[in-house]
Amino acid sequence: MLKQFSLLVLLCIGVIGLLQAQVTTSSLTGTVKDGANQPLAGATITAVHLPTGTRYTGVTQASGTYNIVNMIPGGPYRITVS
């Protein structure tokens, strides 16, 4: 009986852990290059979540890479570089 109870408790803990693991934010990562295929530093990346109009921005590093975090999961998004 105690063995069955222990198994039930472990199963419940596992299910609770899965329920808490829901994704609530997302991110966008990439690299911007110029016409000569060289990294473009200091470019502003703007991502607009089309269903809500929420805007997110980021700036490229010296390597041309960017990372925008805490975005709404899903899309569609309109991405622009300036």
C-alpha atoms as a PDB file:
ATOM      1  CA  MET A   1       0.000   0.000   0.000  1.00  0.00           C
ATOM      2  CA  LEU A   2       2.797   2.430   0.905  1.00  0.00           C
ATOM      3  CA  LYS A   3       4.566   1.558  -2.349  1.00  0.00           C
ATOM      4  CA  GLN A   4       1.444   2.444  -4.380  1.00  0.00           C
ATOM      5  CA  PHE A   5       1.001   5.699  -2.457  1.00  0.00           C
ATOM      6  CA  SER A   6       4.642   6.678  -3.091  1.00  0.00           C
ATOM      7  CA  LEU A   7       4.216   5.982  -6.786  1.00  0.00           C
ATOM      8  CA  LEU A   8       1.059   8.112  -6.875  1.00  0.00           C
ATOM      9  CA  VAL A   9       2.839  11.018  -5.146  1.00  0.00           C
ATOM     10  CA  LEU A  10       5.747  10.836  -7.610  1.00  0.00           C
ATOM     11  CA  LEU A  11       3.316  10.779 -10.534  1.00  0.00           C
ATOM     12  CA  CYS A  12       1.492  13.859  -9.202  1.00  0.00           C
ATOM     13  CA  ILE A  13       4.766  15.744  -8.723  1.00  0.00           C
ATOM     14  CA  GLY A  14       5.747  14.916 -12.314  1.00  0.00           C
ATOM     15  CA  VAL A  15       2.428  16.190 -13.690  1.00  0.00           C
ATOM     16  CA  ILE A  16       2.696  19.429 -11.678  1.00  0.00           C
ATOM     17  CA  GLY A  17       6.206  19.945 -13.064  1.00  0.00           C
ATOM     18  CA  LEU A  18       4.908  19.596 -16.621  1.00  0.00           C
ATOM     19  CA  LEU A  19       2.095  22.069 -16.023  1.00  0.00           C
ATOM     20  CA  GLN A  20       4.546  24.700 -14.794  1.00  0.00           C
ATOM     21  CA  ALA A  21       6.774  24.311 -17.861  1.00  0.00           C
ATOM     22  CA  GLN A  22       4.530  26.230 -20.248  1.00  0.00           C
ATOM     23  CA  VAL A  23       6.248  28.672 -22.620  1.00  0.00           C
ATOM     24  CA  THR A  24       5.157  32.247 -21.954  1.00  0.00           C
ATOM     25  CA  THR A  25       7.797  34.231 -23.859  1.00  0.00           C
ATOM     26  CA  SER A  26       9.915  33.813 -26.938  1.00  0.00           C
ATOM     27  CA  SER A  27      13.008  35.405 -28.494  1.00  0.00           C
ATOM     28  CA  LEU A  28      14.394  36.357 -31.888  1.00  0.00           C
ATOM     29  CA  THR A  29      18.079  35.905 -32.741  1.00  0.00           C
ATOM     30  CA  GLY A  30      19.918  36.513 -35.985  1.00  0.00           C
ATOM     31  CA  THR A  31      22.755  38.154 -37.893  1.00  0.00           C
ATOM     32  CA  VAL A  32      22.618  41.206 -40.157  1.00  0.00           C
ATOM     33  CA  LYS A  33      25.133  41.557 -43.009  1.00  0.00           C
ATOM     34  CA  ASP A  34      25.692  44.291 -45.563  1.00  0.00           C
ATOM     35  CA  GLY A  35      25.795  43.945 -49.369  1.00  0.00           C
ATOM     36  CA  ALA A  36      29.426  42.734 -49.203  1.00  0.00           C
ATOM     37  CA  ASN A  37      28.358  39.957 -46.781  1.00  0.00           C
ATOM     38  CA  GLN A  38      30.131  41.693 -43.877  1.00  0.00           C
ATOM     39  CA  PRO A  39      28.577  41.952 -40.372  1.00  0.00           C
ATOM     40  CA  LEU A  40      26.622  45.165 -39.877  1.00  0.00           C
ATOM     41  CA  ALA A  41      27.211  46.636 -36.407  1.00  0.00           C
ATOM     42  CA  GLY A  42      24.794  49.153 -34.852  1.00  0.00           C
ATOM     43  CA  ALA A  43      21.774  48.303 -37.012  1.00  0.00           C
ATOM     44  CA  THR A  44      18.396  48.592 -35.303  1.00  0.00           C
ATOM     45  CA  ILE A  45      16.120  45.549 -35.566  1.00  0.00           C
ATOM     46  CA  THR A  46      12.397  46.168 -35.071  1.00  0.00           C
ATOM     47  CA  ALA A  47       9.947  43.292 -34.682  1.00  0.00           C
ATOM     48  CA  VAL A  48       6.215  44.064 -34.654  1.00  0.00           C
ATOM     49  CA  HIS A  49       3.782  41.385 -33.470  1.00  0.00           C
ATOM     50  CA  LEU A  50       1.060  41.889 -36.080  1.00  0.00           C
ATOM     51  CA  PRO A  51      -1.949  40.603 -34.077  1.00  0.00           C
ATOM     52  CA  THR A  52      -1.288  43.015 -31.159  1.00  0.00           C
ATOM     53  CA  GLY A  53       0.949  45.742 -32.619  1.00  0.00           C
ATOM     54  CA  THR A  54       3.500  45.175 -29.844  1.00  0.00           C
ATOM     55  CA  ARG A  55       6.960  46.462 -30.887  1.00  0.00           C
ATOM     56  CA  TYR A  56      10.311  45.015 -29.871  1.00  0.00           C
ATOM     57  CA  THR A  57      13.707  46.460 -30.772  1.00  0.00           C
ATOM     58  CA  GLY A  58      17.324  45.397 -30.604  1.00  0.00           C
ATOM     59  CA  VAL A  59      20.677  46.622 -31.882  1.00  0.00           C
ATOM     60  CA  THR A  60      23.284  44.474 -33.625  1.00  0.00           C
ATOM     61  CA  GLN A  61      26.654  43.876 -31.973  1.00  0.00           C
ATOM     62  CA  ALA A  62      30.038  44.269 -33.715  1.00  0.00           C
ATOM     63  CA  SER A  63      29.584  40.754 -35.123  1.00  0.00           C
ATOM     64  CA  GLY A  64      26.215  41.753 -36.659  1.00  0.00           C
ATOM     65  CA  THR A  65      24.294  39.507 -34.253  1.00  0.00           C
ATOM     66  CA  TYR A  66      21.218  40.533 -32.275  1.00  0.00           C
ATOM     67  CA  ASN A  67      18.950  38.946 -29.683  1.00  0.00           C
ATOM     68  CA  ILE A  68      15.509  40.266 -28.752  1.00  0.00           C
ATOM     69  CA  VAL A  69      13.996  38.569 -25.683  1.00  0.00           C
ATOM     70  CA  ASN A  70      10.648  38.447 -23.845  1.00  0.00           C
ATOM     71  CA  MET A  71       8.578  38.455 -27.031  1.00  0.00           C
ATOM     72  CA  ILE A  72       5.030  37.138 -27.391  1.00  0.00           C
ATOM     73  CA  PRO A  73       5.184  33.520 -28.648  1.00  0.00           C
ATOM     74  CA  GLY A  74       3.810  32.901 -32.109  1.00  0.00           C
ATOM     75  CA  GLY A  75       3.287  35.425 -34.805  1.00  0.00           C
ATOM     76  CA  PRO A  76       3.254  36.606 -37.392  1.00  0.00           C
ATOM     77  CA  TYR A  77       5.932  39.264 -36.903  1.00  0.00           C
ATOM     78  CA  ARG A  78       7.095  42.000 -39.300  1.00  0.00           C
ATOM     79  CA  ILE A  79      10.874  42.406 -39.011  1.00  0.00           C
ATOM     80  CA  THR A  80      12.682  45.519 -40.268  1.00  0.00           C
ATOM     81  CA  VAL A  81      16.340  46.584 -40.173  1.00  0.00           C
ATOM     82  CA  SER A  82      17.448  50.211 -40.212  1.00  0.00           C
END
